[in-house]
Amino acid sequence: GLALTLLTLLLLFLGALLDGLYLNSTGAIRAHDADAVVFSDDARESFLRSTVDAELRGELLTLDEVGEVGGLGFSLLGVDVPGEDETVDGAVAGYELSSSSLPAPPPPGEAHADRRMGDFGAELGMTVLVGPAEVPLVITGWVDDTNYLLQNALWVAPETWRAVQNANRPDAPVADDEFQVFVTRAADGADGGALPAVVDERLDGTESLSETDAAFAVPGVTEQNRTFSSVIGVTVFVAGLVVALFFALLTIERQGQYAMFKALGASSPRLVAGVVVQSAAVALGAFALGGLLTFGLSLVIPPAVPAQFEPSRVVFTLTSVLAASVIGSLI
């Protein structure tokens, strides 16, 4: 039970890190309800290397399959929060389309901040200074799950984003009609899943991805998922191995008892069921204790650690530990 408790703690914390890294790296892409994210064809699926303009927007709007087109661009800059000693990592995002996660763009000079920025001292109505040029932005609202590349997002109107970019990055200015990518949604009745292929087939100079593929194109996301998933898989295997070894020893020690039960008429399935029930009880107790320890750990983790405890991960961990314990005991 103690061994499984520690393994449960490890599984929950590794899962929280995996979810935190993924969600805080890709929230800005997943927030748009997009059917296709259109890059320039020389960007190699990178937002920061891509440039799209008004001419491409016009071409997109000529396609019958396209319903809405909105620009999107990011500037990765430090953010000075009043009263805080350390500069906060920020991603200023200029956008045009509202969604289920994003309200309409705020007025110039204002920003909707991702709620995680509140962990670093930001508050509603506060004016933060962005980048070396110290461009002021007033936080007028909160949004959830919208960060980019582990940077705290500030969602602004396109003209505000261009002003921030041009003031802080004169080496990479943005023209009035330019964005990094276009977020597109399918027209009514059109197949949204086929929209990326349709755009690239009909237009020149584009590379289009679905929203999910664009999220996994963010640098490091695929590698993080593979690494953490492998470690989690090995940990689940170790949990099953611990239970299998323990109950193998327990079964050997109880051979005399089992022989007596058999002589009294107990069937083999009944004895197996007894062992499985014991292993399941141990696993559930270990999960409960490990969950309490993980909850306590979550209260003291600094906000800079991108751990995020999702209900789906808790259910997955419970199922994995229980399944590993039952299989181990059956062996």
Protein backbone atom coordinates (compact mmCIF):
# COMPACT_ATOMS: atom_id res chain seq x y z
CA GLY A 1 0.00 0.00 0.00
CA LEU A 2 2.79 2.45 0.83
CA ALA A 3 4.60 1.58 -2.40
CA LEU A 4 1.43 2.15 -4.43
CA THR A 5 0.81 5.42 -2.56
CA LEU A 6 4.18 6.76 -3.67
CA LEU A 7 3.61 5.53 -7.23
CA THR A 8 0.18 7.19 -7.27
CA LEU A 9 1.74 10.46 -6.08
CA LEU A 10 4.32 10.18 -8.84
CA LEU A 11 1.69 9.41 -11.49
CA LEU A 12 -0.56 12.30 -10.47
CA PHE A 13 2.30 14.80 -10.34
CA LEU A 14 3.79 13.67 -13.67
CA GLY A 15 0.34 13.86 -15.23
CA ALA A 16 -0.16 17.36 -13.81
CA LEU A 17 3.16 18.46 -15.30
CA LEU A 18 2.29 16.94 -18.68
CA ASP A 19 -1.13 18.60 -18.72
CA GLY A 20 0.28 21.89 -17.48
CA LEU A 21 3.00 21.98 -20.12
CA TYR A 22 0.59 21.09 -22.91
CA LEU A 23 -2.28 23.36 -21.88
CA ASN A 24 -0.07 26.37 -21.11
CA SER A 25 1.84 25.98 -24.37
CA THR A 26 -1.14 25.54 -26.67
CA GLY A 27 -4.06 27.37 -25.03
CA ALA A 28 -3.67 30.35 -27.35
CA ILE A 29 -4.16 28.10 -30.39
CA ARG A 30 -7.00 26.02 -28.95
CA ALA A 31 -8.95 29.13 -27.92
CA HIS A 32 -10.19 30.07 -31.40
CA ASP A 33 -12.63 27.30 -32.42
CA ALA A 34 -10.74 27.22 -35.71
CA ASP A 35 -11.15 24.71 -38.50
CA ALA A 36 -7.88 25.74 -40.15
CA VAL A 37 -4.86 27.80 -39.11
CA VAL A 38 -3.23 29.25 -42.22
CA PHE A 39 0.55 29.90 -42.17
CA SER A 40 2.76 31.26 -44.92
CA ASP A 41 4.40 28.34 -46.72
CA ASP A 42 7.94 29.38 -45.69
CA ALA A 43 7.15 29.42 -41.94
CA ARG A 44 7.71 25.68 -41.34
CA GLU A 45 4.58 25.64 -39.14
CA SER A 46 5.99 28.33 -36.82
CA PHE A 47 3.80 31.24 -35.72
CA LEU A 48 6.78 33.51 -35.09
CA ARG A 49 8.24 32.91 -38.59
CA SER A 50 4.97 33.26 -40.47
CA THR A 51 3.61 36.40 -42.17
CA VAL A 52 0.23 36.72 -43.85
CA ASP A 53 -1.37 39.84 -45.36
CA ALA A 54 -4.57 41.39 -46.64
CA GLU A 55 -4.11 39.87 -50.10
CA LEU A 56 -4.20 36.36 -48.67
CA ARG A 57 -7.23 37.27 -46.54
CA GLY A 58 -9.07 38.30 -49.69
CA GLU A 59 -8.16 35.03 -51.41
CA LEU A 60 -9.40 33.03 -48.42
CA LEU A 61 -12.73 34.84 -48.43
CA THR A 62 -13.27 33.92 -52.09
CA LEU A 63 -13.42 30.23 -51.16
CA ASP A 64 -16.97 28.96 -50.71
CA GLU A 65 -15.83 26.63 -47.92
CA VAL A 66 -14.51 29.52 -45.79
CA GLY A 67 -16.97 31.32 -43.52
CA GLU A 68 -14.84 33.54 -41.24
CA VAL A 69 -11.23 34.72 -41.33
CA GLY A 70 -9.42 36.43 -38.47
CA GLY A 71 -5.83 37.49 -37.98
CA LEU A 72 -3.64 36.32 -35.10
CA GLY A 73 -0.16 37.35 -34.01
CA PHE A 74 2.11 36.96 -30.97
CA SER A 75 4.89 39.01 -29.39
CA LEU A 76 6.91 37.32 -26.63
CA LEU A 77 8.02 40.02 -24.19
CA GLY A 78 8.60 40.60 -20.50
CA VAL A 79 5.79 42.21 -18.51
CA ASP A 80 6.41 44.46 -15.50
CA VAL A 81 3.62 44.06 -12.94
CA PRO A 82 3.34 46.89 -10.38
CA GLY A 83 4.53 45.83 -6.95
CA GLU A 84 6.39 42.75 -8.22
CA ASP A 85 10.18 42.50 -8.22
CA GLU A 86 10.54 40.04 -11.10
CA THR A 87 9.49 40.52 -14.72
CA VAL A 88 6.73 38.13 -15.81
CA ASP A 89 7.02 36.18 -19.06
CA GLY A 90 4.30 37.44 -21.38
CA ALA A 91 2.81 36.77 -24.79
CA VAL A 92 0.94 39.73 -26.26
CA ALA A 93 -1.62 38.30 -28.72
CA GLY A 94 -3.38 40.43 -31.30
CA TYR A 95 -6.60 38.83 -32.59
CA GLU A 96 -9.82 39.64 -34.43
CA LEU A 97 -12.36 36.83 -33.92
CA SER A 98 -14.18 36.15 -30.68
CA SER A 99 -14.81 32.54 -29.64
CA SER A 100 -16.16 30.42 -26.82
CA SER A 101 -12.95 31.20 -24.91
CA LEU A 102 -12.25 34.75 -26.06
CA PRO A 103 -14.54 37.80 -25.97
CA ALA A 104 -14.35 40.45 -28.66
CA PRO A 105 -11.01 42.31 -28.78
CA PRO A 106 -10.79 45.09 -26.16
CA PRO A 107 -10.36 48.78 -27.02
CA PRO A 108 -6.85 50.03 -27.90
CA GLY A 109 -4.51 50.12 -24.92
CA GLU A 110 -6.49 47.48 -22.99
CA ALA A 111 -5.99 43.73 -22.61
CA HIS A 112 -7.74 40.57 -21.52
CA ALA A 113 -5.21 38.68 -19.37
CA ASP A 114 -5.02 34.94 -18.86
CA ARG A 115 -6.11 34.19 -15.32
CA ARG A 116 -2.78 32.53 -14.49
CA MET A 117 -1.18 35.98 -14.65
CA GLY A 118 -3.07 36.69 -11.44
CA ASP A 119 -0.69 34.23 -9.74
CA PHE A 120 2.09 36.70 -10.54
CA GLY A 121 0.38 39.72 -8.97
CA ALA A 122 -1.73 41.03 -11.85
CA GLU A 123 -5.18 42.43 -11.02
CA LEU A 124 -8.14 43.85 -12.92
CA GLY A 125 -7.75 47.54 -13.61
CA MET A 126 -3.96 47.35 -13.22
CA THR A 127 -1.66 48.90 -15.81
CA VAL A 128 1.26 46.66 -16.75
CA LEU A 129 4.30 47.69 -18.79
CA VAL A 130 5.25 45.48 -21.72
CA GLY A 131 8.76 45.00 -23.07
CA PRO A 132 11.85 47.22 -22.96
CA ALA A 133 9.76 50.07 -24.42
CA GLU A 134 7.39 49.76 -21.43
CA VAL A 135 4.20 49.99 -23.47
CA PRO A 136 1.30 50.39 -20.99
CA LEU A 137 -1.65 47.98 -21.13
CA VAL A 138 -4.65 48.10 -18.80
CA ILE A 139 -6.02 44.70 -17.76
CA THR A 140 -9.80 44.90 -18.13
CA GLY A 141 -10.82 41.23 -18.10
CA TRP A 142 -9.79 37.63 -17.45
CA VAL A 143 -9.73 34.67 -19.83
CA ASP A 144 -8.91 31.04 -19.07
CA ASP A 145 -6.59 28.49 -20.69
CA THR A 146 -5.15 30.85 -23.32
CA ASN A 147 -1.38 30.91 -22.70
CA TYR A 148 1.23 30.44 -25.42
CA LEU A 149 4.59 28.68 -25.02
CA LEU A 150 4.24 28.84 -21.21
CA GLN A 151 4.04 32.65 -21.47
CA ASN A 152 1.18 34.51 -19.76
CA ALA A 153 -1.11 35.78 -22.51
CA LEU A 154 -2.38 39.34 -22.88
CA TRP A 155 -5.11 39.46 -25.56
CA VAL A 156 -5.35 42.80 -27.34
CA ALA A 157 -6.77 44.43 -30.45
CA PRO A 158 -4.66 44.11 -33.63
CA GLU A 159 -3.56 47.77 -33.58
CA THR A 160 -2.42 47.41 -29.98
CA TRP A 161 -0.42 44.28 -30.83
CA ARG A 162 1.27 46.05 -33.74
CA ALA A 163 2.13 49.03 -31.54
CA VAL A 164 3.66 46.70 -28.91
CA GLN A 165 5.60 44.72 -31.52
CA ASN A 166 6.91 47.72 -33.42
CA ALA A 167 7.91 49.62 -30.27
CA ASN A 168 9.79 46.68 -28.75
CA ARG A 169 11.01 44.87 -31.87
CA PRO A 170 11.99 47.52 -34.44
CA ASP A 171 14.03 44.80 -36.17
CA ALA A 172 10.80 42.88 -36.93
CA PRO A 173 8.09 45.49 -37.63
CA VAL A 174 4.55 44.50 -38.57
CA ALA A 175 2.66 46.39 -41.26
CA ASP A 176 -0.90 47.58 -40.77
CA ASP A 177 -2.44 44.73 -42.79
CA GLU A 178 -0.14 41.93 -41.56
CA PHE A 179 -0.57 39.09 -39.06
CA GLN A 180 1.36 35.91 -38.39
CA VAL A 181 -1.47 33.51 -39.24
CA PHE A 182 -5.11 33.56 -40.24
CA VAL A 183 -7.62 31.67 -38.13
CA THR A 184 -10.38 30.36 -40.42
CA ARG A 185 -13.75 28.75 -39.77
CA ALA A 186 -15.73 26.72 -42.26
CA ALA A 187 -18.86 28.10 -43.87
CA ASP A 188 -22.22 26.62 -42.93
CA GLY A 189 -22.56 23.19 -44.49
CA ALA A 190 -18.85 22.90 -45.35
CA ASP A 191 -16.62 20.14 -43.98
CA GLY A 192 -14.41 21.80 -41.34
CA GLY A 193 -12.08 18.82 -41.15
CA ALA A 194 -11.24 19.14 -44.85
CA LEU A 195 -10.71 22.90 -44.77
CA PRO A 196 -6.88 22.87 -44.33
CA ALA A 197 -6.47 20.65 -47.39
CA VAL A 198 -8.93 22.75 -49.40
CA VAL A 199 -7.07 25.99 -48.61
CA ASP A 200 -3.66 24.60 -49.58
CA GLU A 201 -5.05 23.01 -52.74
CA ARG A 202 -6.79 26.15 -53.98
CA LEU A 203 -4.29 28.83 -52.90
CA ASP A 204 -0.56 29.35 -53.42
CA GLY A 205 1.87 30.28 -50.64
CA THR A 206 -0.01 28.71 -47.74
CA GLU A 207 0.51 25.86 -45.30
CA SER A 208 -2.66 25.10 -43.34
CA LEU A 209 -3.17 22.93 -40.27
CA SER A 210 -6.14 21.89 -38.20
CA GLU A 211 -6.36 23.48 -34.76
CA THR A 212 -5.10 20.28 -33.11
CA ASP A 213 -2.19 19.91 -35.54
CA ALA A 214 -1.29 23.58 -35.07
CA ALA A 215 -1.22 23.05 -31.30
CA PHE A 216 1.16 20.09 -31.66
CA ALA A 217 3.31 22.14 -34.05
CA VAL A 218 4.21 24.47 -31.16
CA PRO A 219 7.92 23.84 -30.41
CA GLY A 220 8.48 21.15 -27.80
CA VAL A 221 4.87 20.02 -27.38
CA THR A 222 5.19 16.71 -29.23
CA GLU A 223 8.48 15.88 -27.53
CA GLN A 224 7.07 16.73 -24.09
CA ASN A 225 4.04 14.51 -24.64
CA ARG A 226 6.14 11.57 -25.80
CA THR A 227 8.60 11.87 -22.92
CA PHE A 228 6.05 12.22 -20.13
CA SER A 229 3.74 9.58 -21.61
CA SER A 230 6.65 7.12 -21.69
CA VAL A 231 7.57 7.85 -18.06
CA ILE A 232 3.93 7.52 -16.98
CA GLY A 233 3.61 4.22 -18.85
CA VAL A 234 6.72 2.82 -17.16
CA THR A 235 5.42 3.95 -13.76
CA VAL A 236 2.10 2.17 -14.32
CA PHE A 237 4.06 -0.98 -15.28
CA VAL A 238 6.10 -0.70 -12.10
CA ALA A 239 2.88 -0.40 -10.08
CA GLY A 240 1.61 -3.64 -11.59
CA LEU A 241 4.96 -5.29 -10.99
CA VAL A 242 4.97 -4.27 -7.32
CA VAL A 243 1.51 -5.78 -6.81
CA ALA A 244 2.38 -8.93 -8.76
CA LEU A 245 5.52 -9.56 -6.72
CA PHE A 246 3.77 -8.87 -3.42
CA PHE A 247 0.81 -11.15 -4.10
CA ALA A 248 3.05 -13.86 -5.57
CA LEU A 249 4.91 -13.98 -2.23
CA LEU A 250 1.61 -13.78 -0.34
CA THR A 251 0.15 -16.65 -2.36
CA ILE A 252 3.21 -18.84 -1.73
CA GLU A 253 2.97 -18.16 1.99
CA ARG A 254 -0.75 -19.09 1.95
CA GLN A 255 -0.45 -22.35 0.06
CA GLY A 256 -1.40 -24.30 3.16
CA GLN A 257 -4.46 -22.14 3.74
CA TYR A 258 -5.53 -22.39 0.13
CA ALA A 259 -5.10 -26.17 0.22
CA MET A 260 -7.36 -26.31 3.26
CA PHE A 261 -9.97 -24.10 1.61
CA LYS A 262 -9.87 -26.30 -1.49
CA ALA A 263 -10.34 -29.38 0.66
CA LEU A 264 -13.40 -27.75 2.24
CA GLY A 265 -14.87 -27.18 -1.21
CA ALA A 266 -13.73 -23.66 -2.18
CA SER A 267 -13.28 -23.29 -5.94
CA SER A 268 -10.20 -21.81 -7.61
CA PRO A 269 -12.23 -18.85 -9.02
CA ARG A 270 -13.39 -18.06 -5.49
CA LEU A 271 -9.81 -18.00 -4.20
CA VAL A 272 -8.72 -15.87 -7.16
CA ALA A 273 -11.59 -13.46 -6.50
CA GLY A 274 -10.43 -13.09 -2.91
CA VAL A 275 -6.93 -12.14 -4.01
CA VAL A 276 -8.24 -9.69 -6.62
CA VAL A 277 -10.55 -8.01 -4.11
CA GLN A 278 -7.63 -7.59 -1.71
CA SER A 279 -5.46 -6.02 -4.40
CA ALA A 280 -8.26 -3.68 -5.47
CA ALA A 281 -8.82 -2.59 -1.86
CA VAL A 282 -5.11 -1.90 -1.42
CA ALA A 283 -5.02 0.06 -4.70
CA LEU A 284 -8.04 2.19 -3.80
CA GLY A 285 -6.63 2.98 -0.36
CA ALA A 286 -3.27 3.86 -1.87
CA PHE A 287 -4.92 6.09 -4.48
CA ALA A 288 -6.91 7.92 -1.80
CA LEU A 289 -3.80 8.56 0.30
CA GLY A 290 -1.69 9.43 -2.74
CA GLY A 291 -4.40 11.82 -3.93
CA LEU A 292 -4.43 13.60 -0.56
CA LEU A 293 -0.64 13.94 -0.64
CA THR A 294 -0.82 15.29 -4.20
CA PHE A 295 -3.48 17.81 -3.21
CA GLY A 296 -1.25 19.02 -0.37
CA LEU A 297 1.67 19.27 -2.80
CA SER A 298 -0.44 21.35 -5.22
CA LEU A 299 -1.00 23.95 -2.51
CA VAL A 300 2.71 24.65 -2.09
CA ILE A 301 3.90 24.44 -5.70
CA PRO A 302 5.10 27.88 -6.86
CA PRO A 303 3.15 29.38 -9.79
CA ALA A 304 6.24 29.20 -11.99
CA VAL A 305 5.87 25.38 -12.06
CA PRO A 306 3.32 24.65 -14.83
CA ALA A 307 1.54 21.82 -13.01
CA GLN A 308 -2.19 21.66 -13.74
CA PHE A 309 -4.39 19.02 -12.11
CA GLU A 310 -7.15 17.99 -14.53
CA PRO A 311 -10.11 15.75 -13.50
CA SER A 312 -9.55 13.56 -16.55
CA ARG A 313 -5.97 12.89 -15.41
CA VAL A 314 -7.19 11.88 -11.94
CA VAL A 315 -9.65 9.41 -13.48
CA PHE A 316 -6.95 8.04 -15.79
CA THR A 317 -4.56 7.55 -12.87
CA LEU A 318 -7.19 5.80 -10.75
CA THR A 319 -8.08 3.49 -13.64
CA SER A 320 -4.42 2.76 -14.40
CA VAL A 321 -3.46 1.98 -10.80
CA LEU A 322 -6.55 -0.19 -10.28
CA ALA A 323 -6.04 -2.07 -13.55
CA ALA A 324 -2.33 -2.60 -12.87
CA SER A 325 -3.14 -3.91 -9.38
CA VAL A 326 -5.82 -6.33 -10.58
CA ILE A 327 -3.67 -7.64 -13.43
CA GLY A 328 -0.68 -7.96 -11.11
CA SER A 329 -2.69 -9.90 -8.54
CA LEU A 330 -4.13 -12.21 -11.23
CA ILE A 331 -0.61 -13.06 -12.36
